[in-house]
Amino acid sequence: LFRNGLVLGTAVSYGHEFGSFDTGGGFDHDAY
């Protein structure tokens, strides 16, 4: 954060998604 209010940055993320279908079966996903 600079004094004039400018912000510069970077980030890394991870997400894991899992679930089940109402009719059977499911899924499992990952995001980087």
Full PDB file with SEQRES, HELIX, SHEET, SSBOND, CRYST1, ORIGX, SCALE, CONECT and MASTER records, all heavy atoms in Angstrom:
SEQRES   1 A   32  LEU PHE ARG ASN GLY LEU VAL LEU GLY THR ALA VAL SER          
SEQRES   2 A   32  TYR GLY HIS GLU PHE GLY SER PHE ASP THR GLY GLY GLY          
SEQRES   3 A   32  PHE ASP HIS ASP ALA TYR                                      
SHEET    1 AA1 2 GLY A  15  SER A  20  0                                        
SHEET    2 AA1 2 GLY A  26  ALA A  31 -1                                        
CRYST1    1.000    1.000    1.000  90.00  90.00  90.00 P 1           1          
ORIGX1      1.000000  0.000000  0.000000        0.00000                         
ORIGX2      0.000000  1.000000  0.000000        0.00000                         
ORIGX3      0.000000  0.000000  1.000000        0.00000                         
SCALE1      1.000000  0.000000  0.000000        0.00000                         
SCALE2      0.000000  1.000000  0.000000        0.00000                         
SCALE3      0.000000  0.000000  1.000000        0.00000                         
ATOM      1  N   LEU A   1       0.846  -1.186   0.000  1.00  0.00           N  
ATOM      2  CA  LEU A   1       0.000   0.000   0.000  1.00  0.00           C  
ATOM      3  C   LEU A   1       0.883   1.237   0.000  1.00  0.00           C  
ATOM      4  O   LEU A   1       1.674   1.453   0.931  1.00  0.00           O  
ATOM      5  CB  LEU A   1      -0.926  -0.010   1.223  1.00  0.00           C  
ATOM      6  CG  LEU A   1      -1.740   1.259   1.480  1.00  0.00           C  
ATOM      7  CD1 LEU A   1      -2.701   1.537   0.330  1.00  0.00           C  
ATOM      8  CD2 LEU A   1      -2.497   1.155   2.794  1.00  0.00           C  
ATOM      9  N   PHE A   2       0.778   2.043  -1.064  1.00  0.00           N  
ATOM     10  CA  PHE A   2       1.525   3.281  -1.152  1.00  0.00           C  
ATOM     11  C   PHE A   2       0.767   4.402  -0.446  1.00  0.00           C  
ATOM     12  O   PHE A   2      -0.432   4.311  -0.217  1.00  0.00           O  
ATOM     13  CB  PHE A   2       1.756   3.645  -2.628  1.00  0.00           C  
ATOM     14  CG  PHE A   2       2.588   2.637  -3.374  1.00  0.00           C  
ATOM     15  CD1 PHE A   2       1.979   1.530  -3.953  1.00  0.00           C  
ATOM     16  CD2 PHE A   2       3.957   2.786  -3.482  1.00  0.00           C  
ATOM     17  CE1 PHE A   2       2.735   0.597  -4.646  1.00  0.00           C  
ATOM     18  CE2 PHE A   2       4.727   1.849  -4.168  1.00  0.00           C  
ATOM     19  CZ  PHE A   2       4.106   0.746  -4.746  1.00  0.00           C  
ATOM     20  N   ARG A   3       1.463   5.486  -0.133  1.00  0.00           N  
ATOM     21  CA  ARG A   3       0.847   6.556   0.644  1.00  0.00           C  
ATOM     22  C   ARG A   3      -0.241   7.296  -0.127  1.00  0.00           C  
ATOM     23  O   ARG A   3      -1.096   7.949   0.467  1.00  0.00           O  
ATOM     24  CB  ARG A   3       1.919   7.542   1.124  1.00  0.00           C  
ATOM     25  CG  ARG A   3       2.858   6.929   2.159  1.00  0.00           C  
ATOM     26  CD  ARG A   3       3.704   7.976   2.848  1.00  0.00           C  
ATOM     27  NE  ARG A   3       4.553   7.359   3.860  1.00  0.00           N  
ATOM     28  CZ  ARG A   3       4.176   7.075   5.094  1.00  0.00           C  
ATOM     29  NH1 ARG A   3       2.929   7.357   5.455  1.00  0.00           N  
ATOM     30  NH2 ARG A   3       4.994   6.520   5.944  1.00  0.00           N  
ATOM     31  N   ASN A   4      -0.220   7.195  -1.441  1.00  0.00           N  
ATOM     32  CA  ASN A   4      -1.272   7.843  -2.229  1.00  0.00           C  
ATOM     33  C   ASN A   4      -2.513   6.965  -2.375  1.00  0.00           C  
ATOM     34  O   ASN A   4      -3.440   7.306  -3.099  1.00  0.00           O  
ATOM     35  CB  ASN A   4      -0.737   8.227  -3.605  1.00  0.00           C  
ATOM     36  CG  ASN A   4      -0.268   7.015  -4.409  1.00  0.00           C  
ATOM     37  OD1 ASN A   4      -0.323   5.883  -3.932  1.00  0.00           O  
ATOM     38  ND2 ASN A   4       0.196   7.266  -5.623  1.00  0.00           N  
ATOM     39  N   GLY A   5      -2.522   5.791  -1.705  1.00  0.00           N  
ATOM     40  CA  GLY A   5      -3.674   4.893  -1.743  1.00  0.00           C  
ATOM     41  C   GLY A   5      -3.577   3.785  -2.759  1.00  0.00           C  
ATOM     42  O   GLY A   5      -4.441   2.905  -2.790  1.00  0.00           O  
ATOM     43  N   LEU A   6      -2.543   3.810  -3.623  1.00  0.00           N  
ATOM     44  CA  LEU A   6      -2.358   2.742  -4.597  1.00  0.00           C  
ATOM     45  C   LEU A   6      -1.978   1.443  -3.897  1.00  0.00           C  
ATOM     46  O   LEU A   6      -1.122   1.427  -3.013  1.00  0.00           O  
ATOM     47  CB  LEU A   6      -1.256   3.141  -5.587  1.00  0.00           C  
ATOM     48  CG  LEU A   6      -0.795   2.054  -6.566  1.00  0.00           C  
ATOM     49  CD1 LEU A   6      -1.915   1.693  -7.534  1.00  0.00           C  
ATOM     50  CD2 LEU A   6       0.460   2.502  -7.308  1.00  0.00           C  
ATOM     51  N   VAL A   7      -2.606   0.355  -4.299  1.00  0.00           N  
ATOM     52  CA  VAL A   7      -2.296  -0.979  -3.785  1.00  0.00           C  
ATOM     53  C   VAL A   7      -1.961  -1.883  -4.961  1.00  0.00           C  
ATOM     54  O   VAL A   7      -2.692  -1.914  -5.962  1.00  0.00           O  
ATOM     55  CB  VAL A   7      -3.474  -1.592  -2.993  1.00  0.00           C  
ATOM     56  CG1 VAL A   7      -3.128  -3.009  -2.529  1.00  0.00           C  
ATOM     57  CG2 VAL A   7      -3.834  -0.729  -1.800  1.00  0.00           C  
ATOM     58  N   LEU A   8      -0.860  -2.628  -4.848  1.00  0.00           N  
ATOM     59  CA  LEU A   8      -0.487  -3.633  -5.839  1.00  0.00           C  
ATOM     60  C   LEU A   8      -0.189  -4.932  -5.103  1.00  0.00           C  
ATOM     61  O   LEU A   8       0.483  -4.911  -4.055  1.00  0.00           O  
ATOM     62  CB  LEU A   8       0.741  -3.200  -6.645  1.00  0.00           C  
ATOM     63  CG  LEU A   8       0.576  -1.964  -7.525  1.00  0.00           C  
ATOM     64  CD1 LEU A   8       1.916  -1.584  -8.157  1.00  0.00           C  
ATOM     65  CD2 LEU A   8      -0.475  -2.198  -8.607  1.00  0.00           C  
ATOM     66  N   GLY A   9      -0.691  -6.059  -5.636  1.00  0.00           N  
ATOM     67  CA  GLY A   9      -0.466  -7.312  -4.924  1.00  0.00           C  
ATOM     68  C   GLY A   9      -0.680  -8.530  -5.804  1.00  0.00           C  
ATOM     69  O   GLY A   9      -1.127  -8.440  -6.949  1.00  0.00           O  
ATOM     70  N   THR A  10      -0.366  -9.673  -5.232  1.00  0.00           N  
ATOM     71  CA  THR A  10      -0.573 -10.952  -5.896  1.00  0.00           C  
ATOM     72  C   THR A  10      -0.976 -11.980  -4.856  1.00  0.00           C  
ATOM     73  O   THR A  10      -0.681 -11.813  -3.654  1.00  0.00           O  
ATOM     74  CB  THR A  10       0.695 -11.406  -6.644  1.00  0.00           C  
ATOM     75  OG1 THR A  10       0.417 -12.589  -7.393  1.00  0.00           O  
ATOM     76  CG2 THR A  10       1.828 -11.685  -5.669  1.00  0.00           C  
ATOM     77  N   ALA A  11      -1.623 -13.038  -5.294  1.00  0.00           N  
ATOM     78  CA  ALA A  11      -2.109 -14.054  -4.361  1.00  0.00           C  
ATOM     79  C   ALA A  11      -2.196 -15.398  -5.075  1.00  0.00           C  
ATOM     80  O   ALA A  11      -2.306 -15.467  -6.299  1.00  0.00           O  
ATOM     81  CB  ALA A  11      -3.483 -13.671  -3.811  1.00  0.00           C  
ATOM     82  N   VAL A  12      -2.133 -16.459  -4.290  1.00  0.00           N  
ATOM     83  CA  VAL A  12      -2.361 -17.816  -4.787  1.00  0.00           C  
ATOM     84  C   VAL A  12      -3.523 -18.398  -3.998  1.00  0.00           C  
ATOM     85  O   VAL A  12      -3.769 -18.024  -2.838  1.00  0.00           O  
ATOM     86  CB  VAL A  12      -1.113 -18.708  -4.642  1.00  0.00           C  
ATOM     87  CG1 VAL A  12       0.009 -18.207  -5.537  1.00  0.00           C  
ATOM     88  CG2 VAL A  12      -0.642 -18.773  -3.193  1.00  0.00           C  
ATOM     89  N   SER A  13      -4.260 -19.314  -4.635  1.00  0.00           N  
ATOM     90  CA  SER A  13      -5.457 -19.850  -3.994  1.00  0.00           C  
ATOM     91  C   SER A  13      -5.602 -21.334  -4.287  1.00  0.00           C  
ATOM     92  O   SER A  13      -5.041 -21.860  -5.256  1.00  0.00           O  
ATOM     93  CB  SER A  13      -6.709 -19.107  -4.486  1.00  0.00           C  
ATOM     94  OG  SER A  13      -6.910 -19.360  -5.879  1.00  0.00           O  
ATOM     95  N   TYR A  14      -6.369 -21.987  -3.429  1.00  0.00           N  
ATOM     96  CA  TYR A  14      -6.736 -23.390  -3.625  1.00  0.00           C  
ATOM     97  C   TYR A  14      -8.196 -23.558  -3.225  1.00  0.00           C  
ATOM     98  O   TYR A  14      -8.645 -23.000  -2.208  1.00  0.00           O  
ATOM     99  CB  TYR A  14      -5.867 -24.314  -2.773  1.00  0.00           C  
ATOM    100  CG  TYR A  14      -6.383 -25.737  -2.725  1.00  0.00           C  
ATOM    101  CD1 TYR A  14      -6.262 -26.574  -3.828  1.00  0.00           C  
ATOM    102  CD2 TYR A  14      -7.022 -26.232  -1.587  1.00  0.00           C  
ATOM    103  CE1 TYR A  14      -6.755 -27.872  -3.798  1.00  0.00           C  
ATOM    104  CE2 TYR A  14      -7.509 -27.527  -1.549  1.00  0.00           C  
ATOM    105  CZ  TYR A  14      -7.371 -28.339  -2.654  1.00  0.00           C  
ATOM    106  OH  TYR A  14      -7.865 -29.626  -2.625  1.00  0.00           O  
ATOM    107  N   GLY A  15      -8.927 -24.322  -4.017  1.00  0.00           N  
ATOM    108  CA  GLY A  15     -10.317 -24.624  -3.687  1.00  0.00           C  
ATOM    109  C   GLY A  15     -10.612 -26.091  -3.921  1.00  0.00           C  
ATOM    110  O   GLY A  15     -10.180 -26.665  -4.930  1.00  0.00           O  
ATOM    111  N   HIS A  16     -11.323 -26.702  -2.992  1.00  0.00           N  
ATOM    112  CA  HIS A  16     -11.727 -28.106  -3.119  1.00  0.00           C  
ATOM    113  C   HIS A  16     -13.241 -28.167  -3.039  1.00  0.00           C  
ATOM    114  O   HIS A  16     -13.858 -27.637  -2.109  1.00  0.00           O  
ATOM    115  CB  HIS A  16     -11.110 -28.956  -2.016  1.00  0.00           C  
ATOM    116  CG  HIS A  16     -11.538 -30.401  -2.079  1.00  0.00           C  
ATOM    117  ND1 HIS A  16     -11.227 -31.218  -3.134  1.00  0.00           N  
ATOM    118  CD2 HIS A  16     -12.272 -31.156  -1.219  1.00  0.00           C  
ATOM    119  CE1 HIS A  16     -11.737 -32.420  -2.926  1.00  0.00           C  
ATOM    120  NE2 HIS A  16     -12.378 -32.406  -1.775  1.00  0.00           N  
ATOM    121  N   GLU A  17     -13.827 -28.825  -4.035  1.00  0.00           N  
ATOM    122  CA  GLU A  17     -15.275 -28.886  -4.170  1.00  0.00           C  
ATOM    123  C   GLU A  17     -15.713 -30.349  -4.232  1.00  0.00           C  
ATOM    124  O   GLU A  17     -15.166 -31.127  -5.014  1.00  0.00           O  
ATOM    125  CB  GLU A  17     -15.646 -28.168  -5.467  1.00  0.00           C  
ATOM    126  CG  GLU A  17     -17.118 -28.060  -5.769  1.00  0.00           C  
ATOM    127  CD  GLU A  17     -17.320 -27.221  -7.020  1.00  0.00           C  
ATOM    128  OE1 GLU A  17     -17.384 -25.987  -6.899  1.00  0.00           O  
ATOM    129  OE2 GLU A  17     -17.376 -27.804  -8.122  1.00  0.00           O  
ATOM    130  N   PHE A  18     -16.684 -30.715  -3.396  1.00  0.00           N  
ATOM    131  CA  PHE A  18     -17.169 -32.094  -3.389  1.00  0.00           C  
ATOM    132  C   PHE A  18     -18.668 -32.084  -3.117  1.00  0.00           C  
ATOM    133  O   PHE A  18     -19.196 -31.180  -2.463  1.00  0.00           O  
ATOM    134  CB  PHE A  18     -16.435 -32.931  -2.342  1.00  0.00           C  
ATOM    135  CG  PHE A  18     -16.518 -32.370  -0.940  1.00  0.00           C  
ATOM    136  CD1 PHE A  18     -17.468 -32.824  -0.045  1.00  0.00           C  
ATOM    137  CD2 PHE A  18     -15.640 -31.380  -0.516  1.00  0.00           C  
ATOM    138  CE1 PHE A  18     -17.557 -32.315   1.246  1.00  0.00           C  
ATOM    139  CE2 PHE A  18     -15.708 -30.859   0.778  1.00  0.00           C  
ATOM    140  CZ  PHE A  18     -16.666 -31.327   1.652  1.00  0.00           C  
ATOM    141  N   GLY A  19     -19.354 -33.096  -3.657  1.00  0.00           N  
ATOM    142  CA  GLY A  19     -20.789 -33.127  -3.467  1.00  0.00           C  
ATOM    143  C   GLY A  19     -21.402 -34.390  -4.015  1.00  0.00           C  
ATOM    144  O   GLY A  19     -20.714 -35.263  -4.559  1.00  0.00           O  
ATOM    145  N   SER A  20     -22.711 -34.484  -3.892  1.00  0.00           N  
ATOM    146  CA  SER A  20     -23.438 -35.676  -4.336  1.00  0.00           C  
ATOM    147  C   SER A  20     -24.679 -35.259  -5.106  1.00  0.00           C  
ATOM    148  O   SER A  20     -25.335 -34.262  -4.781  1.00  0.00           O  
ATOM    149  CB  SER A  20     -23.834 -36.538  -3.131  1.00  0.00           C  
ATOM    150  OG  SER A  20     -24.636 -35.802  -2.226  1.00  0.00           O  
ATOM    151  N   PHE A  21     -24.984 -36.030  -6.169  1.00  0.00           N  
ATOM    152  CA  PHE A  21     -26.192 -35.802  -6.949  1.00  0.00           C  
ATOM    153  C   PHE A  21     -27.387 -36.445  -6.244  1.00  0.00           C  
ATOM    154  O   PHE A  21     -27.265 -37.491  -5.606  1.00  0.00           O  
ATOM    155  CB  PHE A  21     -26.042 -36.401  -8.348  1.00  0.00           C  
ATOM    156  CG  PHE A  21     -24.947 -35.768  -9.170  1.00  0.00           C  
ATOM    157  CD1 PHE A  21     -23.795 -36.482  -9.483  1.00  0.00           C  
ATOM    158  CD2 PHE A  21     -25.074 -34.470  -9.630  1.00  0.00           C  
ATOM    159  CE1 PHE A  21     -22.794 -35.912 -10.246  1.00  0.00           C  
ATOM    160  CE2 PHE A  21     -24.078 -33.890 -10.386  1.00  0.00           C  
ATOM    161  CZ  PHE A  21     -22.927 -34.610 -10.702  1.00  0.00           C  
ATOM    162  N   ASP A  22     -28.558 -35.843  -6.393  1.00  0.00           N  
ATOM    163  CA  ASP A  22     -29.765 -36.366  -5.767  1.00  0.00           C  
ATOM    164  C   ASP A  22     -30.114 -37.757  -6.293  1.00  0.00           C  
ATOM    165  O   ASP A  22     -30.743 -38.556  -5.588  1.00  0.00           O  
ATOM    166  CB  ASP A  22     -30.946 -35.422  -6.011  1.00  0.00           C  
ATOM    167  CG  ASP A  22     -30.778 -34.086  -5.310  1.00  0.00           C  
ATOM    168  OD1 ASP A  22     -29.851 -33.959  -4.487  1.00  0.00           O  
ATOM    169  OD2 ASP A  22     -31.569 -33.166  -5.594  1.00  0.00           O  
ATOM    170  N   THR A  23     -29.709 -38.074  -7.520  1.00  0.00           N  
ATOM    171  CA  THR A  23     -30.032 -39.355  -8.140  1.00  0.00           C  
ATOM    172  C   THR A  23     -28.910 -40.379  -8.009  1.00  0.00           C  
ATOM    173  O   THR A  23     -28.972 -41.445  -8.629  1.00  0.00           O  
ATOM    174  CB  THR A  23     -30.345 -39.143  -9.630  1.00  0.00           C  
ATOM    175  OG1 THR A  23     -29.290 -38.365 -10.222  1.00  0.00           O  
ATOM    176  CG2 THR A  23     -31.662 -38.417  -9.810  1.00  0.00           C  
ATOM    177  N   GLY A  24     -27.890 -40.081  -7.208  1.00  0.00           N  
ATOM    178  CA  GLY A  24     -26.785 -41.005  -7.008  1.00  0.00           C  
ATOM    179  C   GLY A  24     -25.519 -40.524  -7.682  1.00  0.00           C  
ATOM    180  O   GLY A  24     -25.547 -39.855  -8.703  1.00  0.00           O  
ATOM    181  N   GLY A  25     -24.379 -40.913  -7.097  1.00  0.00           N  
ATOM    182  CA  GLY A  25     -23.109 -40.454  -7.624  1.00  0.00           C  
ATOM    183  C   GLY A  25     -22.729 -39.110  -7.040  1.00  0.00           C  
ATOM    184  O   GLY A  25     -23.413 -38.542  -6.181  1.00  0.00           O  
ATOM    185  N   GLY A  26     -21.608 -38.587  -7.517  1.00  0.00           N  
ATOM    186  CA  GLY A  26     -21.151 -37.312  -7.001  1.00  0.00           C  
ATOM    187  C   GLY A  26     -19.968 -36.792  -7.792  1.00  0.00           C  
ATOM    188  O   GLY A  26     -19.679 -37.246  -8.895  1.00  0.00           O  
ATOM    189  N   PHE A  27     -19.256 -35.843  -7.203  1.00  0.00           N  
ATOM    190  CA  PHE A  27     -18.132 -35.211  -7.893  1.00  0.00           C  
ATOM    191  C   PHE A  27     -17.122 -34.727  -6.865  1.00  0.00           C  
ATOM    192  O   PHE A  27     -17.437 -34.551  -5.677  1.00  0.00           O  
ATOM    193  CB  PHE A  27     -18.613 -34.050  -8.763  1.00  0.00           C  
ATOM    194  CG  PHE A  27     -19.496 -33.068  -8.035  1.00  0.00           C  
ATOM    195  CD1 PHE A  27     -18.969 -31.987  -7.356  1.00  0.00           C  
ATOM    196  CD2 PHE A  27     -20.875 -33.243  -8.029  1.00  0.00           C  
ATOM    197  CE1 PHE A  27     -19.783 -31.094  -6.683  1.00  0.00           C  
ATOM    198  CE2 PHE A  27     -21.709 -32.356  -7.358  1.00  0.00           C  
ATOM    199  CZ  PHE A  27     -21.160 -31.282  -6.683  1.00  0.00           C  
ATOM    200  N   ASP A  28     -15.901 -34.527  -7.350  1.00  0.00           N  
ATOM    201  CA  ASP A  28     -14.799 -34.093  -6.493  1.00  0.00           C  
ATOM    202  C   ASP A  28     -13.848 -33.286  -7.374  1.00  0.00           C  
ATOM    203  O   ASP A  28     -13.229 -33.838  -8.287  1.00  0.00           O  
ATOM    204  CB  ASP A  28     -14.089 -35.303  -5.883  1.00  0.00           C  
ATOM    205  CG  ASP A  28     -13.252 -34.937  -4.679  1.00  0.00           C  
ATOM    206  OD1 ASP A  28     -12.221 -34.297  -4.868  1.00  0.00           O  
ATOM    207  OD2 ASP A  28     -13.634 -35.297  -3.555  1.00  0.00           O  
ATOM    208  N   HIS A  29     -13.729 -31.990  -7.110  1.00  0.00           N  
ATOM    209  CA  HIS A  29     -12.938 -31.111  -7.968  1.00  0.00           C  
ATOM    210  C   HIS A  29     -11.907 -30.345  -7.138  1.00  0.00           C  
ATOM    211  O   HIS A  29     -12.126 -30.062  -5.952  1.00  0.00           O  
ATOM    212  CB  HIS A  29     -13.821 -30.090  -8.687  1.00  0.00           C  
ATOM    213  CG  HIS A  29     -15.000 -30.675  -9.386  1.00  0.00           C  
ATOM    214  ND1 HIS A  29     -14.929 -31.828 -10.129  1.00  0.00           N  
ATOM    215  CD2 HIS A  29     -16.293 -30.263  -9.467  1.00  0.00           C  
ATOM    216  CE1 HIS A  29     -16.116 -32.102 -10.642  1.00  0.00           C  
ATOM    217  NE2 HIS A  29     -16.967 -31.171 -10.242  1.00  0.00           N  
ATOM    218  N   ASP A  30     -10.802 -29.981  -7.787  1.00  0.00           N  
ATOM    219  CA  ASP A  30      -9.776 -29.146  -7.173  1.00  0.00           C  
ATOM    220  C   ASP A  30      -9.428 -28.002  -8.118  1.00  0.00           C  
ATOM    221  O   ASP A  30      -9.415 -28.180  -9.349  1.00  0.00           O  
ATOM    222  CB  ASP A  30      -8.511 -29.954  -6.880  1.00  0.00           C  
ATOM    223  CG  ASP A  30      -8.727 -30.994  -5.798  1.00  0.00           C  
ATOM    224  OD1 ASP A  30      -8.852 -30.619  -4.628  1.00  0.00           O  
ATOM    225  OD2 ASP A  30      -8.784 -32.194  -6.146  1.00  0.00           O  
ATOM    226  N   ALA A  31      -9.132 -26.833  -7.556  1.00  0.00           N  
ATOM    227  CA  ALA A  31      -8.746 -25.670  -8.345  1.00  0.00           C  
ATOM    228  C   ALA A  31      -7.528 -25.016  -7.721  1.00  0.00           C  
ATOM    229  O   ALA A  31      -7.480 -24.800  -6.501  1.00  0.00           O  
ATOM    230  CB  ALA A  31      -9.892 -24.671  -8.433  1.00  0.00           C  
ATOM    231  N   TYR A  32      -6.530 -24.701  -8.564  1.00  0.00           N  
ATOM    232  CA  TYR A  32      -5.301 -24.056  -8.127  1.00  0.00           C  
ATOM    233  C   TYR A  32      -5.163 -22.751  -8.922  1.00  0.00           C  
ATOM    234  O   TYR A  32      -5.112 -22.783 -10.160  1.00  0.00           O  
ATOM    235  CB  TYR A  32      -4.096 -24.948  -8.377  1.00  0.00           C  
ATOM    236  CG  TYR A  32      -4.237 -26.345  -7.801  1.00  0.00           C  
ATOM    237  CD1 TYR A  32      -4.897 -27.345  -8.515  1.00  0.00           C  
ATOM    238  CD2 TYR A  32      -3.731 -26.660  -6.536  1.00  0.00           C  
ATOM    239  CE1 TYR A  32      -5.032 -28.628  -7.989  1.00  0.00           C  
ATOM    240  CE2 TYR A  32      -3.865 -27.932  -6.010  1.00  0.00           C  
ATOM    241  CZ  TYR A  32      -4.523 -28.908  -6.746  1.00  0.00           C  
ATOM    242  OH  TYR A  32      -4.664 -30.172  -6.225  1.00  0.00           O  
TER     243      TYR A  32                                                      
MASTER        0    0    0    0    2    0    0    6  242    1    0    3          
END                                                                             
